[in-house]
Amino acid sequence: MIIIAGYFQLNASDRDRFVDAHVELVVRARQAEGCVDLAISADPVDPTRVNNYELWDNEDDLLTWRSVANPPRLELDFQGSHLAKYYIAKTGPVFG
């Protein structure tokens, strides 16, 4: 499994427009083969931050999705970001 997690920093006035512009992409991604979950959401504490979370079954499914994702093209002033890809070898229950 693969997790892509992190955040983007934008001007506070652009954050909600960025999130809203990605709603259709999130819907399509969640229907894509191998997508366990995907979320692009406004941070509840920082008005300049957009959180990104993706969980994929494998690299092939992620790459297939990327080839057809067609993200929205927005002219925004990004202030920074921190995103990373994590390769998961083992998972288990959260409680117990």
C-alpha atoms as a PDB file:
ATOM      1  CA  MET A   1       0.000   0.000   0.000  1.00  0.00           C
ATOM      2  CA  ILE A   2       1.011   3.585  -0.579  1.00  0.00           C
ATOM      3  CA  ILE A   3       0.089   6.701   1.361  1.00  0.00           C
ATOM      4  CA  ILE A   4       0.605  10.177  -0.014  1.00  0.00           C
ATOM      5  CA  ALA A   5       0.126  12.725   2.726  1.00  0.00           C
ATOM      6  CA  GLY A   6       0.914  16.328   3.446  1.00  0.00           C
ATOM      7  CA  TYR A   7      -0.332  19.816   2.793  1.00  0.00           C
ATOM      8  CA  PHE A   8      -0.208  22.860   0.539  1.00  0.00           C
ATOM      9  CA  GLN A   9       0.012  26.442   1.826  1.00  0.00           C
ATOM     10  CA  LEU A  10      -1.913  29.071  -0.128  1.00  0.00           C
ATOM     11  CA  ASN A  11      -3.150  32.556   0.456  1.00  0.00           C
ATOM     12  CA  ALA A  12      -6.141  32.314   2.788  1.00  0.00           C
ATOM     13  CA  SER A  13      -8.316  33.939   0.127  1.00  0.00           C
ATOM     14  CA  ASP A  14      -7.471  31.105  -2.334  1.00  0.00           C
ATOM     15  CA  ARG A  15      -7.810  28.077  -0.064  1.00  0.00           C
ATOM     16  CA  ASP A  16     -11.528  27.367  -0.443  1.00  0.00           C
ATOM     17  CA  ARG A  17     -11.390  27.930  -4.208  1.00  0.00           C
ATOM     18  CA  PHE A  18      -8.578  25.362  -4.436  1.00  0.00           C
ATOM     19  CA  VAL A  19     -10.540  22.802  -2.399  1.00  0.00           C
ATOM     20  CA  ASP A  20     -13.775  23.430  -4.325  1.00  0.00           C
ATOM     21  CA  ALA A  21     -11.967  23.092  -7.661  1.00  0.00           C
ATOM     22  CA  HIS A  22     -10.798  19.587  -6.669  1.00  0.00           C
ATOM     23  CA  VAL A  23     -14.167  18.123  -5.617  1.00  0.00           C
ATOM     24  CA  GLU A  24     -14.776  16.440  -8.980  1.00  0.00           C
ATOM     25  CA  LEU A  25     -11.226  15.034  -8.985  1.00  0.00           C
ATOM     26  CA  VAL A  26     -11.753  13.546  -5.507  1.00  0.00           C
ATOM     27  CA  VAL A  27     -15.012  11.914  -6.620  1.00  0.00           C
ATOM     28  CA  ARG A  28     -13.332  10.371  -9.672  1.00  0.00           C
ATOM     29  CA  ALA A  29     -10.267   9.255  -7.711  1.00  0.00           C
ATOM     30  CA  ARG A  30     -12.357   7.440  -5.126  1.00  0.00           C
ATOM     31  CA  GLN A  31     -13.905   5.447  -7.985  1.00  0.00           C
ATOM     32  CA  ALA A  32     -10.535   4.615  -9.532  1.00  0.00           C
ATOM     33  CA  GLU A  33      -9.113   1.104  -9.374  1.00  0.00           C
ATOM     34  CA  GLY A  34      -6.876   0.759  -6.328  1.00  0.00           C
ATOM     35  CA  CYS A  35      -7.913   3.963  -4.581  1.00  0.00           C
ATOM     36  CA  VAL A  36      -8.791   3.117  -1.008  1.00  0.00           C
ATOM     37  CA  ASP A  37      -9.284   6.760  -0.032  1.00  0.00           C
ATOM     38  CA  LEU A  38      -8.435  10.271  -1.167  1.00  0.00           C
ATOM     39  CA  ALA A  39      -9.172  13.633   0.424  1.00  0.00           C
ATOM     40  CA  ILE A  40      -8.280  17.239  -0.355  1.00  0.00           C
ATOM     41  CA  SER A  41      -9.641  19.370   2.450  1.00  0.00           C
ATOM     42  CA  ALA A  42      -9.389  22.736   4.150  1.00  0.00           C
ATOM     43  CA  ASP A  43      -7.488  22.602   7.412  1.00  0.00           C
ATOM     44  CA  PRO A  44      -9.778  23.411  10.378  1.00  0.00           C
ATOM     45  CA  VAL A  45      -7.096  25.425  12.200  1.00  0.00           C
ATOM     46  CA  ASP A  46      -4.890  27.103   9.581  1.00  0.00           C
ATOM     47  CA  PRO A  47      -6.753  29.241   7.002  1.00  0.00           C
ATOM     48  CA  THR A  48      -3.849  28.959   4.538  1.00  0.00           C
ATOM     49  CA  ARG A  49      -3.522  25.179   4.601  1.00  0.00           C
ATOM     50  CA  VAL A  50      -5.043  22.468   2.397  1.00  0.00           C
ATOM     51  CA  ASN A  51      -4.524  18.891   3.581  1.00  0.00           C
ATOM     52  CA  ASN A  52      -3.913  16.119   1.054  1.00  0.00           C
ATOM     53  CA  TYR A  53      -4.329  12.427   1.848  1.00  0.00           C
ATOM     54  CA  GLU A  54      -4.301   9.472  -0.541  1.00  0.00           C
ATOM     55  CA  LEU A  55      -4.286   5.726   0.121  1.00  0.00           C
ATOM     56  CA  TRP A  56      -3.601   3.403  -2.820  1.00  0.00           C
ATOM     57  CA  ASP A  57      -3.386  -0.373  -3.114  1.00  0.00           C
ATOM     58  CA  ASN A  58      -0.201  -0.225  -5.194  1.00  0.00           C
ATOM     59  CA  GLU A  59       2.095   1.890  -7.366  1.00  0.00           C
ATOM     60  CA  ASP A  60       0.601   0.671 -10.659  1.00  0.00           C
ATOM     61  CA  ASP A  61      -2.890   1.841  -9.700  1.00  0.00           C
ATOM     62  CA  LEU A  62      -1.503   5.179  -8.526  1.00  0.00           C
ATOM     63  CA  LEU A  63       0.393   5.690 -11.796  1.00  0.00           C
ATOM     64  CA  THR A  64      -2.654   4.718 -13.844  1.00  0.00           C
ATOM     65  CA  TRP A  65      -4.715   7.273 -11.948  1.00  0.00           C
ATOM     66  CA  ARG A  66      -2.090   9.966 -12.419  1.00  0.00           C
ATOM     67  CA  SER A  67      -2.187   9.418 -16.186  1.00  0.00           C
ATOM     68  CA  VAL A  68      -5.921  10.277 -16.299  1.00  0.00           C
ATOM     69  CA  ALA A  69      -6.392  12.499 -13.234  1.00  0.00           C
ATOM     70  CA  ASN A  70      -6.510  15.762 -15.189  1.00  0.00           C
ATOM     71  CA  PRO A  71      -6.306  18.087 -12.161  1.00  0.00           C
ATOM     72  CA  PRO A  72      -7.798  21.571 -12.439  1.00  0.00           C
ATOM     73  CA  ARG A  73      -5.476  24.284 -13.712  1.00  0.00           C
ATOM     74  CA  LEU A  74      -5.577  27.168 -11.275  1.00  0.00           C
ATOM     75  CA  GLU A  75      -3.480  30.318 -11.218  1.00  0.00           C
ATOM     76  CA  LEU A  76      -2.665  30.478  -7.505  1.00  0.00           C
ATOM     77  CA  ASP A  77       0.253  31.732  -5.475  1.00  0.00           C
ATOM     78  CA  PHE A  78       1.457  28.700  -3.498  1.00  0.00           C
ATOM     79  CA  GLN A  79       3.303  29.657  -0.319  1.00  0.00           C
ATOM     80  CA  GLY A  80       4.780  26.198   0.227  1.00  0.00           C
ATOM     81  CA  SER A  81       3.997  22.545   0.602  1.00  0.00           C
ATOM     82  CA  HIS A  82       5.047  19.379   2.311  1.00  0.00           C
ATOM     83  CA  LEU A  83       3.988  16.142   0.620  1.00  0.00           C
ATOM     84  CA  ALA A  84       5.551  12.709   0.887  1.00  0.00           C
ATOM     85  CA  LYS A  85       4.925   9.210  -0.438  1.00  0.00           C
ATOM     86  CA  TYR A  86       5.043   6.385   2.099  1.00  0.00           C
ATOM     87  CA  TYR A  87       5.342   2.733   1.177  1.00  0.00           C
ATOM     88  CA  ILE A  88       3.479   0.582   3.715  1.00  0.00           C
ATOM     89  CA  ALA A  89       4.754  -2.923   4.379  1.00  0.00           C
ATOM     90  CA  LYS A  90       2.400  -3.850   7.193  1.00  0.00           C
ATOM     91  CA  THR A  91      -0.887  -2.633   8.641  1.00  0.00           C
ATOM     92  CA  GLY A  92      -2.967  -3.646  11.626  1.00  0.00           C
ATOM     93  CA  PRO A  93      -5.981  -2.659  13.691  1.00  0.00           C
ATOM     94  CA  VAL A  94      -6.000   0.751  15.339  1.00  0.00           C
ATOM     95  CA  PHE A  95      -7.516  -0.501  18.600  1.00  0.00           C
ATOM     96  CA  GLY A  96      -6.825  -3.800  20.278  1.00  0.00           C
END
